[in-house]
Amino acid sequence: MEDDEYQFETGDAGSGGIEKVSAGSLKKGDLVMIKGHPCKVVSFSTAKTGKHGSAKAMVTGIDIFSSNKYECTFSTGDNVDAPLMKRQEFTLINIEDDGYVSLMNDAGDVKEDLKLPEDEWLKDVADKIREIFTEGKKECLVAVVSAMGNEKIISVKEGKDV
């Protein structure tokens, strides 16, 4: 076997945005990585220790970005990856023809790298954003979640009068 068959990357092993949690301590509503996807736990059950090993945790989660469902089984003593999620509120400034939005945070910084949600499960959110913006009577406040290097607009609400 030759040394060049394996490639190793240096750095922090990709741990940015991840914390370790005990699989046995997971509960509904927690975040966990399932098959490489940041998921919100929607179902959690345990099976007792059997003659072939430790107790098992059966976890079902919904991907926080795509809403796809994933399932996985862990040993309850395992340390599993949990994504660190950040939720931030922005004021909508503009919607471009291509769907990109201009957002401003409380500090006045402008963000222009997100599009209106295109997923079917977020269609109502995109429609409401367009409605509030087009009417122009109230501020349009959008919530953006970020985890694992991804960001997505996930909700909207009306702010104060313009």
Protein backbone atom coordinates (compact mmCIF):
# COMPACT_ATOMS: atom_id res chain seq x y z
CA MET A 1 0.00 0.00 0.00
CA GLU A 2 1.45 3.35 -1.00
CA ASP A 3 1.31 6.49 1.11
CA ASP A 4 -0.35 8.55 -1.62
CA GLU A 5 -3.53 6.44 -1.50
CA TYR A 6 -4.83 8.50 1.41
CA GLN A 7 -5.24 12.24 1.56
CA PHE A 8 -5.34 13.95 4.92
CA GLU A 9 -6.38 17.52 5.45
CA THR A 10 -4.91 19.63 8.19
CA GLY A 11 -6.91 21.86 10.49
CA ASP A 12 -9.64 21.32 13.04
CA ALA A 13 -11.20 18.28 11.37
CA GLY A 14 -14.19 20.33 10.28
CA SER A 15 -15.46 20.84 13.80
CA GLY A 16 -16.53 24.44 13.19
CA GLY A 17 -20.20 24.80 14.04
CA ILE A 18 -20.42 21.40 15.75
CA GLU A 19 -20.57 20.30 19.35
CA LYS A 20 -20.55 16.78 20.76
CA VAL A 21 -23.56 15.54 22.73
CA SER A 22 -24.42 12.18 24.22
CA ALA A 23 -26.85 10.25 22.01
CA GLY A 24 -28.65 9.08 25.16
CA SER A 25 -29.41 12.67 26.18
CA LEU A 26 -31.09 13.66 22.90
CA LYS A 27 -34.74 14.65 23.04
CA LYS A 28 -37.44 15.94 20.73
CA GLY A 29 -36.56 19.39 19.40
CA ASP A 30 -32.78 18.99 19.74
CA LEU A 31 -30.46 19.38 16.75
CA VAL A 32 -28.27 16.49 15.61
CA MET A 33 -26.34 15.55 12.49
CA ILE A 34 -27.98 12.57 10.74
CA LYS A 35 -26.22 11.20 7.66
CA GLY A 36 -24.41 14.51 7.22
CA HIS A 37 -27.53 16.68 7.50
CA PRO A 38 -28.35 19.15 10.30
CA CYS A 39 -31.68 17.85 11.62
CA LYS A 40 -34.23 18.74 14.28
CA VAL A 41 -35.18 15.62 16.26
CA VAL A 42 -38.88 14.81 15.78
CA SER A 43 -38.85 11.29 17.22
CA PHE A 44 -36.59 9.60 19.74
CA SER A 45 -36.84 6.18 21.33
CA THR A 46 -34.47 3.81 23.08
CA ALA A 47 -34.09 0.07 23.10
CA LYS A 48 -32.75 -1.61 26.22
CA THR A 49 -29.39 -3.28 26.39
CA GLY A 50 -29.52 -6.69 24.79
CA LYS A 51 -27.17 -9.62 24.71
CA HIS A 52 -25.40 -8.14 21.67
CA GLY A 53 -24.35 -4.75 22.98
CA SER A 54 -25.37 -1.48 24.53
CA ALA A 55 -28.71 0.31 24.56
CA LYS A 56 -29.65 1.93 21.27
CA ALA A 57 -31.23 5.29 20.47
CA MET A 58 -33.44 5.44 17.39
CA VAL A 59 -33.59 9.02 16.11
CA THR A 60 -35.76 10.55 13.39
CA GLY A 61 -34.98 14.08 12.30
CA ILE A 62 -36.09 16.66 9.75
CA ASP A 63 -33.34 18.52 7.86
CA ILE A 64 -33.56 22.18 8.91
CA PHE A 65 -32.78 23.37 5.37
CA SER A 66 -34.59 20.91 3.08
CA SER A 67 -37.28 19.42 5.36
CA ASN A 68 -36.22 15.92 4.27
CA LYS A 69 -36.66 13.17 6.85
CA TYR A 70 -33.66 11.11 8.05
CA GLU A 71 -33.39 8.22 10.51
CA CYS A 72 -30.41 6.85 12.37
CA THR A 73 -29.56 4.53 15.25
CA PHE A 74 -26.84 5.34 17.77
CA SER A 75 -25.54 3.58 20.88
CA THR A 76 -26.83 5.67 23.80
CA GLY A 77 -23.28 6.08 25.09
CA ASP A 78 -22.00 7.50 21.79
CA ASN A 79 -21.04 11.14 21.45
CA VAL A 80 -22.75 12.46 18.33
CA ASP A 81 -22.39 15.69 16.37
CA ALA A 82 -24.90 18.45 17.03
CA PRO A 83 -24.83 21.47 14.71
CA LEU A 84 -24.66 24.90 16.27
CA MET A 85 -27.51 26.87 14.74
CA LYS A 86 -27.79 30.64 14.72
CA ARG A 87 -31.05 32.51 14.12
CA GLN A 88 -30.92 36.17 13.17
CA GLU A 89 -33.58 38.71 12.26
CA PHE A 90 -33.11 41.12 9.35
CA THR A 91 -35.13 43.94 7.80
CA LEU A 92 -35.89 43.41 4.11
CA ILE A 93 -34.65 46.32 1.99
CA ASN A 94 -35.23 45.06 -1.54
CA ILE A 95 -36.15 42.06 -3.69
CA GLU A 96 -34.32 41.74 -7.01
CA ASP A 97 -35.92 40.27 -10.15
CA ASP A 98 -33.80 37.11 -9.78
CA GLY A 99 -35.14 36.49 -6.25
CA TYR A 100 -32.10 37.72 -4.34
CA VAL A 101 -32.92 39.92 -1.37
CA SER A 102 -31.14 42.79 0.33
CA LEU A 103 -31.33 42.46 4.11
CA MET A 104 -30.12 44.77 6.87
CA ASN A 105 -29.29 43.76 10.44
CA ASP A 106 -29.62 45.90 13.57
CA ALA A 107 -26.07 47.22 13.13
CA GLY A 108 -26.90 48.54 9.64
CA ASP A 109 -24.84 45.90 7.81
CA VAL A 110 -26.35 44.82 4.48
CA LYS A 111 -26.51 41.19 3.34
CA GLU A 112 -27.22 40.42 -0.31
CA ASP A 113 -26.33 36.74 -0.78
CA LEU A 114 -29.67 35.08 0.03
CA LYS A 115 -32.63 34.33 -2.21
CA LEU A 116 -36.28 34.16 -1.31
CA PRO A 117 -37.11 30.61 -0.22
CA GLU A 118 -37.82 28.40 -3.24
CA ASP A 119 -38.70 25.21 -1.36
CA GLU A 120 -42.31 24.08 -1.56
CA TRP A 121 -42.53 23.90 2.25
CA LEU A 122 -41.51 27.59 2.48
CA LYS A 123 -43.72 28.86 -0.37
CA ASP A 124 -46.07 30.62 2.09
CA VAL A 125 -43.09 32.44 3.63
CA ALA A 126 -41.86 33.67 0.22
CA ASP A 127 -45.38 34.76 -0.75
CA LYS A 128 -45.84 36.67 2.53
CA ILE A 129 -42.45 38.40 2.09
CA ARG A 130 -43.46 39.56 -1.39
CA GLU A 131 -46.86 40.70 -0.09
CA ILE A 132 -45.49 42.78 2.80
CA PHE A 133 -42.75 44.28 0.60
CA THR A 134 -45.12 45.14 -2.26
CA GLU A 135 -47.69 46.79 0.03
CA GLY A 136 -44.90 48.91 1.53
CA LYS A 137 -46.92 49.86 4.62
CA LYS A 138 -44.91 47.95 7.22
CA GLU A 139 -41.35 46.77 7.73
CA CYS A 140 -40.76 43.23 6.52
CA LEU A 141 -38.74 41.30 9.11
CA VAL A 142 -37.27 37.96 8.04
CA ALA A 143 -35.61 35.30 10.17
CA VAL A 144 -32.51 33.61 8.79
CA VAL A 145 -31.08 30.41 10.23
CA SER A 146 -27.48 29.42 9.65
CA ALA A 147 -25.73 26.15 10.42
CA MET A 148 -22.95 24.13 8.83
CA GLY A 149 -22.12 26.93 6.38
CA ASN A 150 -25.68 27.13 5.02
CA GLU A 151 -28.21 29.92 5.45
CA LYS A 152 -31.91 30.10 4.69
CA ILE A 153 -34.80 32.48 5.23
CA ILE A 154 -37.33 30.49 7.26
CA SER A 155 -39.95 32.93 8.52
CA VAL A 156 -41.36 36.42 8.13
CA LYS A 157 -43.38 38.89 10.17
CA GLU A 158 -44.59 42.44 9.81
CA GLY A 159 -42.67 45.10 11.68
CA LYS A 160 -43.61 48.65 12.56
CA ASP A 161 -45.29 51.05 10.15
CA VAL A 162 -43.05 52.58 7.48
